[in-house]
Protein backbone atom coordinates (compact mmCIF):
# COMPACT_ATOMS: atom_id res chain seq x y z
CA UNK A 1 0.00 0.00 0.00
CA UNK A 2 2.86 2.42 0.82
CA UNK A 3 4.60 1.64 -2.47
CA UNK A 4 1.38 2.33 -4.37
CA UNK A 5 0.99 5.63 -2.49
CA UNK A 6 4.54 6.77 -3.31
CA UNK A 7 4.15 5.83 -6.98
CA UNK A 8 0.96 7.86 -7.26
CA UNK A 9 2.42 10.89 -5.46
CA UNK A 10 5.42 10.80 -7.78
CA UNK A 11 3.17 10.87 -10.86
CA UNK A 12 0.98 13.58 -9.37
CA UNK A 13 3.75 16.03 -8.43
CA UNK A 14 5.29 15.60 -11.90
CA UNK A 15 1.99 16.70 -13.41
CA UNK A 16 1.48 19.49 -10.85
CA UNK A 17 4.97 20.63 -9.76
CA UNK A 18 3.70 24.04 -8.63
CA UNK A 19 0.52 25.91 -7.74
CA UNK A 20 -2.03 26.61 -10.49
CA UNK A 21 -1.66 30.08 -11.94
CA UNK A 22 -4.54 32.55 -11.86
CA UNK A 23 -4.70 32.63 -15.67
CA UNK A 24 -4.71 28.87 -16.14
CA UNK A 25 -7.88 26.84 -16.45
CA UNK A 26 -8.73 24.37 -13.72
CA UNK A 27 -7.84 20.72 -14.44
CA UNK A 28 -11.37 19.75 -13.43
CA UNK A 29 -14.63 21.72 -13.44
CA UNK A 30 -16.46 22.62 -10.18
CA UNK A 31 -20.05 21.46 -9.79
CA UNK A 32 -21.39 25.02 -9.53
CA UNK A 33 -20.47 28.54 -10.58
CA UNK A 34 -21.39 29.78 -7.11
CA UNK A 35 -21.40 27.86 -3.85
CA UNK A 36 -22.72 28.65 -0.37
CA UNK A 37 -20.64 28.17 2.75
CA UNK A 38 -22.87 25.23 3.68
CA UNK A 39 -22.29 23.59 0.30
CA UNK A 40 -18.56 24.27 0.24
CA UNK A 41 -17.49 21.20 2.25
CA UNK A 42 -19.25 18.61 0.11
CA UNK A 43 -18.56 20.22 -3.27
CA UNK A 44 -14.88 20.76 -2.45
CA UNK A 45 -14.35 17.19 -1.31
CA UNK A 46 -16.18 15.90 -4.37
CA UNK A 47 -13.93 17.99 -6.63
CA UNK A 48 -10.80 16.62 -4.99
CA UNK A 49 -12.02 13.04 -5.28
CA UNK A 50 -12.85 13.48 -8.97
CA UNK A 51 -9.44 14.97 -9.74
CA UNK A 52 -7.57 12.24 -7.90
CA UNK A 53 -9.74 9.40 -9.25
CA UNK A 54 -9.07 10.58 -12.81
CA UNK A 55 -5.36 10.13 -12.00
CA UNK A 56 -5.96 6.60 -10.61
CA UNK A 57 -5.20 7.51 -7.00
CA UNK A 58 -5.88 4.85 -4.33
CA UNK A 59 -9.31 5.56 -2.80
CA UNK A 60 -8.04 5.85 0.77
CA UNK A 61 -5.24 8.22 -0.21
CA UNK A 62 -7.68 10.38 -2.20
CA UNK A 63 -9.86 10.77 0.87
CA UNK A 64 -6.96 11.70 3.16
CA UNK A 65 -5.46 14.17 0.66
CA UNK A 66 -8.84 15.85 0.08
CA UNK A 67 -9.64 16.00 3.79
CA UNK A 68 -6.25 17.56 4.63
CA UNK A 69 -6.50 20.11 1.80
CA UNK A 70 -10.05 21.11 2.81
CA UNK A 71 -8.98 21.54 6.45
CA UNK A 72 -6.24 23.91 5.32
CA UNK A 73 -8.64 25.76 2.99
CA UNK A 74 -11.10 26.44 5.82
CA UNK A 75 -8.33 28.06 7.86
CA UNK A 76 -8.16 30.85 5.27
CA UNK A 77 -10.23 34.02 5.20
CA UNK A 78 -12.65 33.35 2.33
CA UNK A 79 -14.29 36.79 2.34
CA UNK A 80 -12.42 37.82 -0.81
CA UNK A 81 -14.35 35.10 -2.70
CA UNK A 82 -17.81 36.43 -1.76
CA UNK A 83 -20.30 37.38 -4.46
CA UNK A 84 -21.87 40.53 -2.89
CA UNK A 85 -24.04 41.19 -5.94
CA UNK A 86 -25.79 37.84 -5.28
CA UNK A 87 -26.67 38.48 -1.64
CA UNK A 88 -29.82 40.45 -2.45
CA UNK A 89 -31.20 37.68 -4.69
CA UNK A 90 -30.64 34.97 -2.12
CA UNK A 91 -32.46 36.34 0.87
CA UNK A 92 -34.83 33.90 2.54
CA UNK A 93 -37.01 35.24 5.32
CA UNK A 94 -34.57 38.04 6.07
CA UNK A 95 -31.50 35.79 6.17
CA UNK A 96 -28.77 36.53 3.66
CA UNK A 97 -27.21 33.50 2.00
CA UNK A 98 -23.51 34.15 1.35
CA UNK A 99 -22.27 32.81 -1.97
CA UNK A 100 -18.67 32.24 -3.00
CA UNK A 101 -17.16 32.35 -6.48
CA UNK A 102 -16.74 28.63 -6.93
CA UNK A 103 -13.90 28.60 -9.48
CA UNK A 104 -11.76 31.00 -7.44
CA UNK A 105 -12.21 29.21 -4.12
CA UNK A 106 -11.74 25.79 -5.73
CA UNK A 107 -8.50 27.00 -7.33
CA UNK A 108 -7.25 27.75 -3.81
CA UNK A 109 -8.39 24.30 -2.68
CA UNK A 110 -6.62 22.56 -5.55
CA UNK A 111 -3.44 24.49 -4.78
CA UNK A 112 -3.71 23.30 -1.18
CA UNK A 113 -4.15 19.76 -2.51
CA UNK A 114 -1.08 20.09 -4.74
CA UNK A 115 0.94 21.47 -1.83
CA UNK A 116 -0.09 18.61 0.49
CA UNK A 117 0.77 16.03 -2.18
CA UNK A 118 4.21 17.61 -2.64
CA UNK A 119 4.85 17.60 1.12
CA UNK A 120 3.82 13.96 1.44
CA UNK A 121 5.95 12.97 -1.54
CA UNK A 122 9.01 14.58 0.05
CA UNK A 123 8.27 13.26 3.53
CA UNK A 124 5.49 10.65 3.64
CA UNK A 125 3.70 10.74 7.03
CA UNK A 126 2.32 7.63 8.68
CA UNK A 127 -1.06 7.22 7.02
CA UNK A 128 -3.89 4.94 8.07
CA UNK A 129 -4.57 3.34 4.70
CA UNK A 130 -6.39 0.05 4.52
CA UNK A 131 -7.80 -1.71 1.46
CA UNK A 132 -11.49 -0.94 1.03
CA UNK A 133 -14.28 -2.13 -1.19
CA UNK A 134 -14.49 0.00 -4.31
CA UNK A 135 -18.00 0.76 -5.54
CA UNK A 136 -17.92 2.06 -9.09
CA UNK A 137 -20.44 4.79 -9.72
CA UNK A 138 -21.61 6.28 -13.02
CA UNK A 139 -23.34 9.68 -12.76
CA UNK A 140 -24.41 12.26 -15.31
CA UNK A 141 -26.83 15.18 -15.10
CA UNK A 142 -28.06 17.84 -17.55
CA UNK A 143 -30.09 21.05 -17.29
CA UNK A 144 -32.12 19.90 -20.30
CA UNK A 145 -34.64 22.50 -21.53
CA UNK A 146 -35.13 24.10 -18.10
CA UNK A 147 -33.92 27.68 -17.60
CA UNK A 148 -31.55 26.70 -14.77
CA UNK A 149 -30.13 23.60 -13.14
CA UNK A 150 -31.73 22.88 -9.77
CA UNK A 151 -30.62 19.26 -9.33
CA UNK A 152 -27.51 18.67 -7.24
CA UNK A 153 -25.76 15.46 -6.26
CA UNK A 154 -22.63 14.36 -4.42
CA UNK A 155 -20.85 11.02 -4.31
CA UNK A 156 -18.46 10.82 -1.36
CA UNK A 157 -16.64 7.52 -1.03
CA UNK A 158 -14.33 6.82 1.96
CA UNK A 159 -16.68 8.96 4.06
CA UNK A 160 -14.90 8.39 7.38
CA UNK A 161 -11.51 9.46 6.10
CA UNK A 162 -12.95 12.41 4.18
CA UNK A 163 -14.38 13.89 7.37
CA UNK A 164 -11.73 12.64 9.77
CA UNK A 165 -14.03 10.14 11.49
CA UNK A 166 -12.50 6.98 13.15
CA UNK A 167 -15.86 4.60 13.09
CA UNK A 168 -19.01 5.89 11.75
CA UNK A 169 -21.52 4.08 13.94
CA UNK A 170 -23.72 6.79 15.39
CA UNK A 171 -27.18 7.80 14.24
CA UNK A 172 -29.66 10.62 14.46
CA UNK A 173 -33.34 11.28 14.88
CA UNK A 174 -35.20 14.02 13.08
CA UNK A 175 -38.49 15.85 12.75
CA UNK A 176 -39.51 18.10 9.85
CA UNK A 177 -42.57 20.28 9.29
CA UNK A 178 -44.06 21.83 6.15
CA UNK A 179 -46.88 24.37 6.15
CA UNK A 180 -48.45 24.77 2.73
CA UNK A 181 -51.61 26.81 2.54
CA UNK A 182 -53.92 25.42 5.21
CA UNK A 183 -52.16 22.06 5.48
CA UNK A 184 -49.52 21.19 8.05
CA UNK A 185 -47.43 18.10 7.33
CA UNK A 186 -45.00 16.61 9.81
CA UNK A 187 -42.49 13.82 9.14
CA UNK A 188 -40.39 12.16 11.82
CA UNK A 189 -37.88 9.45 12.48
CA UNK A 190 -37.10 8.62 16.10
CA UNK A 191 -38.07 10.46 19.26
CA UNK A 192 -37.77 14.09 18.23
CA UNK A 193 -41.29 15.46 18.32
CA UNK A 194 -43.64 18.14 17.00
CA UNK A 195 -46.83 19.27 18.74
CA UNK A 196 -49.54 21.70 17.66
CA UNK A 197 -51.26 24.01 20.15
CA UNK A 198 -54.72 25.32 19.31
CA UNK A 199 -56.55 27.61 21.75
CA UNK A 200 -54.15 26.57 24.50
CA UNK A 201 -54.91 22.89 23.92
CA UNK A 202 -52.32 20.39 22.66
CA UNK A 203 -53.19 18.65 19.39
CA UNK A 204 -51.23 15.40 18.90
CA UNK A 205 -49.53 15.32 15.51
CA UNK A 206 -47.38 12.21 15.90
CA UNK A 207 -46.24 9.41 18.15
CA UNK A 208 -42.47 9.18 18.66
CA UNK A 209 -40.67 5.98 17.69
CA UNK A 210 -40.00 4.45 21.09
CA UNK A 211 -39.26 0.74 21.68
CA UNK A 212 -42.12 0.49 24.18
CA UNK A 213 -44.72 1.34 21.53
CA UNK A 214 -46.63 -1.89 21.07
CA UNK A 215 -46.43 -1.85 17.27
CA UNK A 216 -42.70 -1.04 17.35
CA UNK A 217 -42.03 -3.73 19.96
CA UNK A 218 -43.89 -6.28 17.83
CA UNK A 219 -41.97 -5.25 14.69
CA UNK A 220 -38.61 -5.62 16.46
CA UNK A 221 -39.50 -9.01 17.95
CA UNK A 222 -40.80 -10.30 14.61
CA UNK A 223 -37.35 -9.52 13.18
CA UNK A 224 -35.67 -11.54 15.93
CA UNK A 225 -34.69 -8.64 18.16
CA UNK A 226 -35.81 -7.83 21.69
CA UNK A 227 -36.92 -4.87 23.75
CA UNK A 228 -35.58 -4.79 27.31
CA UNK A 229 -35.82 -2.35 30.19
CA UNK A 230 -32.44 -0.94 31.26
CA UNK A 231 -33.27 2.36 32.92
CA UNK A 232 -35.61 2.85 29.98
CA UNK A 233 -36.89 0.58 27.21
CA UNK A 234 -34.10 -0.21 24.74
CA UNK A 235 -33.72 -2.11 21.46
CA UNK A 236 -31.50 -5.14 22.08
CA UNK A 237 -30.34 -3.48 25.30
CA UNK A 238 -28.73 -0.56 23.44
CA UNK A 239 -30.72 2.24 21.78
CA UNK A 240 -33.68 4.00 23.39
CA UNK A 241 -35.27 4.73 19.99
CA UNK A 242 -36.79 2.19 17.63
CA UNK A 243 -36.18 4.15 14.42
CA UNK A 244 -33.26 6.37 13.43
CA UNK A 245 -31.04 7.52 10.60
CA UNK A 246 -27.79 5.53 10.81
CA UNK A 247 -27.09 3.28 13.83
CA UNK A 248 -26.10 0.62 11.30
CA UNK A 249 -24.99 -1.88 13.92
CA UNK A 250 -28.65 -2.28 15.00
CA UNK A 251 -30.30 -2.48 11.60
CA UNK A 252 -32.93 -3.72 10.79
CA UNK A 253 -34.23 -3.58 14.37
CA UNK A 254 -33.67 0.18 14.53
CA UNK A 255 -35.54 1.01 11.34
CA UNK A 256 -34.70 3.87 8.97
CA UNK A 257 -38.30 4.26 7.74
CA UNK A 258 -39.88 7.62 8.54
CA UNK A 259 -43.55 8.34 9.30
CA UNK A 260 -45.62 11.25 8.01
CA UNK A 261 -48.97 12.81 8.88
CA UNK A 262 -51.00 15.79 7.68
CA UNK A 263 -53.58 17.92 9.50
CA UNK A 264 -55.82 20.70 8.25
CA UNK A 265 -55.25 24.12 9.82
CA UNK A 266 -58.45 25.88 10.87
CA UNK A 267 -57.00 29.35 11.38
CA UNK A 268 -57.30 29.37 15.17
CA UNK A 269 -53.98 27.65 15.93
CA UNK A 270 -51.48 29.21 18.34
CA UNK A 271 -48.13 27.65 17.36
CA UNK A 272 -46.20 24.50 16.53
CA UNK A 273 -43.32 23.35 18.72
CA UNK A 274 -40.54 21.05 17.47
CA UNK A 275 -38.00 19.69 19.93
CA UNK A 276 -35.58 16.84 20.49
CA UNK A 277 -35.82 14.16 23.18
CA UNK A 278 -33.65 16.25 25.52
CA UNK A 279 -36.66 18.56 25.90
CA UNK A 280 -39.48 16.03 25.96
CA UNK A 281 -37.65 13.75 28.42
CA UNK A 282 -38.16 16.50 31.01
CA UNK A 283 -41.31 18.26 29.80
CA UNK A 284 -44.70 16.68 29.11
CA UNK A 285 -46.54 17.95 26.01
CA UNK A 286 -49.45 18.99 28.23
CA UNK A 287 -47.13 21.40 30.08
CA UNK A 288 -46.08 23.25 26.94
CA UNK A 289 -49.00 25.74 26.67
CA UNK A 290 -48.49 26.95 30.24
CA UNK A 291 -44.71 27.19 29.82
CA UNK A 292 -45.05 29.17 26.58
CA UNK A 293 -47.49 31.63 28.13
CA UNK A 294 -45.25 32.07 31.14
CA UNK A 295 -42.26 32.65 28.87
CA UNK A 296 -44.22 35.21 26.83
CA UNK A 297 -45.28 37.06 29.97
CA UNK A 298 -41.71 37.17 31.28
CA UNK A 299 -40.44 38.33 27.91
CA UNK A 300 -43.00 41.17 27.85
CA UNK A 301 -42.41 42.28 31.41
CA UNK A 302 -39.71 40.58 33.56
CA UNK A 303 -41.10 42.44 36.61
CA UNK A 304 -44.27 40.39 36.48
CA UNK A 305 -46.74 42.94 35.14
CA UNK A 306 -48.50 42.91 31.81
CA UNK A 307 -46.83 45.14 29.24
CA UNK A 308 -47.19 44.88 25.49
CA UNK A 309 -44.62 47.55 24.65
CA UNK A 310 -41.78 45.10 23.85
CA UNK A 311 -40.98 44.52 20.13
CA UNK A 312 -42.88 41.45 19.02
CA UNK A 313 -39.82 39.79 17.46
CA UNK A 314 -37.89 40.19 20.70
CA UNK A 315 -40.74 38.67 22.69
CA UNK A 316 -41.03 35.63 20.45
CA UNK A 317 -37.28 35.01 20.31
CA UNK A 318 -36.96 34.69 24.09
CA UNK A 319 -39.59 31.97 24.39
CA UNK A 320 -37.47 29.08 23.07
CA UNK A 321 -34.62 30.13 25.37
CA UNK A 322 -36.98 30.03 28.35
CA UNK A 323 -38.27 26.58 27.36
CA UNK A 324 -34.75 25.17 27.01
CA UNK A 325 -33.84 26.62 30.41
CA UNK A 326 -36.91 25.03 31.98
CA UNK A 327 -36.10 21.59 30.57
CA UNK A 328 -32.55 21.84 31.91
CA UNK A 329 -33.78 22.92 35.34
CA UNK A 330 -36.30 20.05 35.27
CA UNK A 331 -33.44 17.56 35.11
CA UNK A 332 -32.58 17.05 31.44
CA UNK A 333 -28.85 16.46 30.97
CA UNK A 334 -29.11 15.73 27.23
CA UNK A 335 -28.66 18.15 24.34
CA UNK A 336 -31.76 20.35 24.10
CA UNK A 337 -33.12 22.03 20.97
CA UNK A 338 -36.48 23.81 20.77
CA UNK A 339 -38.05 25.49 17.74
CA UNK A 340 -41.31 27.42 18.10
CA UNK A 341 -43.30 28.54 15.04
CA UNK A 342 -46.05 31.01 15.93
CA UNK A 343 -49.18 30.64 13.81
CA UNK A 344 -50.60 33.84 15.29
CA UNK A 345 -49.04 36.89 16.88
CA UNK A 346 -47.20 36.10 20.18
CA UNK A 347 -48.68 39.23 21.73
CA UNK A 348 -52.15 38.15 20.58
CA UNK A 349 -51.77 35.00 22.68
CA UNK A 350 -51.13 37.14 25.74
CA UNK A 351 -54.09 39.39 24.98
CA UNK A 352 -56.40 36.38 24.58
CA UNK A 353 -55.12 34.86 27.81
CA UNK A 354 -55.64 38.14 29.65
CA UNK A 355 -59.25 38.32 28.38
CA UNK A 356 -59.84 34.70 29.42
CA UNK A 357 -58.44 35.26 32.91
CA UNK A 358 -60.49 38.45 33.34
CA UNK A 359 -63.64 36.60 32.28
CA UNK A 360 -62.95 33.76 34.71
CA UNK A 361 -62.28 36.18 37.54
CA UNK A 362 -65.52 38.08 36.85
CA UNK A 363 -67.51 34.84 36.75
CA UNK A 364 -65.98 33.70 40.03
CA UNK A 365 -66.72 37.05 41.69
CA UNK A 366 -70.35 37.01 40.46
CA UNK A 367 -70.79 33.45 41.73
CA UNK A 368 -69.49 34.39 45.15
CA UNK A 369 -71.67 37.50 45.25
CA UNK A 370 -74.78 35.48 44.38
CA UNK A 371 -74.09 32.90 47.09
CA UNK A 372 -73.77 35.63 49.71
CA UNK A 373 -77.19 37.02 48.74
């Protein structure tokens, strides 16, 4: 393996003895003319792999070279590659998407790659290279008659080495929500959850994938697995979720199949809350309406009064922070993420609650007054 590595590096540095000049064309074309910071990692690694594969580089070496070059690239200030004229056209809900000039930033990446290859050729470090199964992949895409290309794909072999991971065994849960017109659709995999609150009442949208669910328990046992109690119910004594992305060592018992449900919005909904298990392990769904109202009241007036003079955006933003803090104080030691989507004005919720409380107080006073007569 070392001999093969040295032979390749020798060929490569002969072809690329120095950095690419600004005026020269790239030896391989980037996937896009412009790339966001979020897309940069994947597209850059893919470019490096394509260049090295076209020169018959060993797969493991390609991954390590690309990973090292990308790491060095990300240590640079990339602001000079920004496309400021594109910022206006890529605003989504007030958030500016920064775009980079792909050819310019990829030229810098390829020069980093050439530099790393030269360094390794002159002084080969100890590399963890082991033979791996090669899966040949044939991919081609065209814009066809459409005005622009909206498809995008990446093929990243040797994933662990590309991202500097020792054993990729972990997994993840997820919950996603789409509101389209008067329809709310939620999809989930695992024990992250979404709940809808309408007129201060919780509307169940989904049932998390827990091993103790009777249908999930039956599915696991039918496959030859088991569900045991070890502090909580676990699949084969390991994972506390019955479905997840990844967790390959427990497939097929920990399924990768997601669920989806759709409800019709009536126009009187308060908000939707999405959160991970770190929140719901410490907070019951039925507690959420009271916690949100309390958080809204504190955000409006920390002194305990009722003031509606705070900017509405500022009021809404503080609610999720309050909910996370409550879950932590309630005993959650896990990661906690909470996302709250208001379907009506946050201040309107407080106004409605104030009217409700005033009406209840008046009714109680009238009842007492009548009994005294």
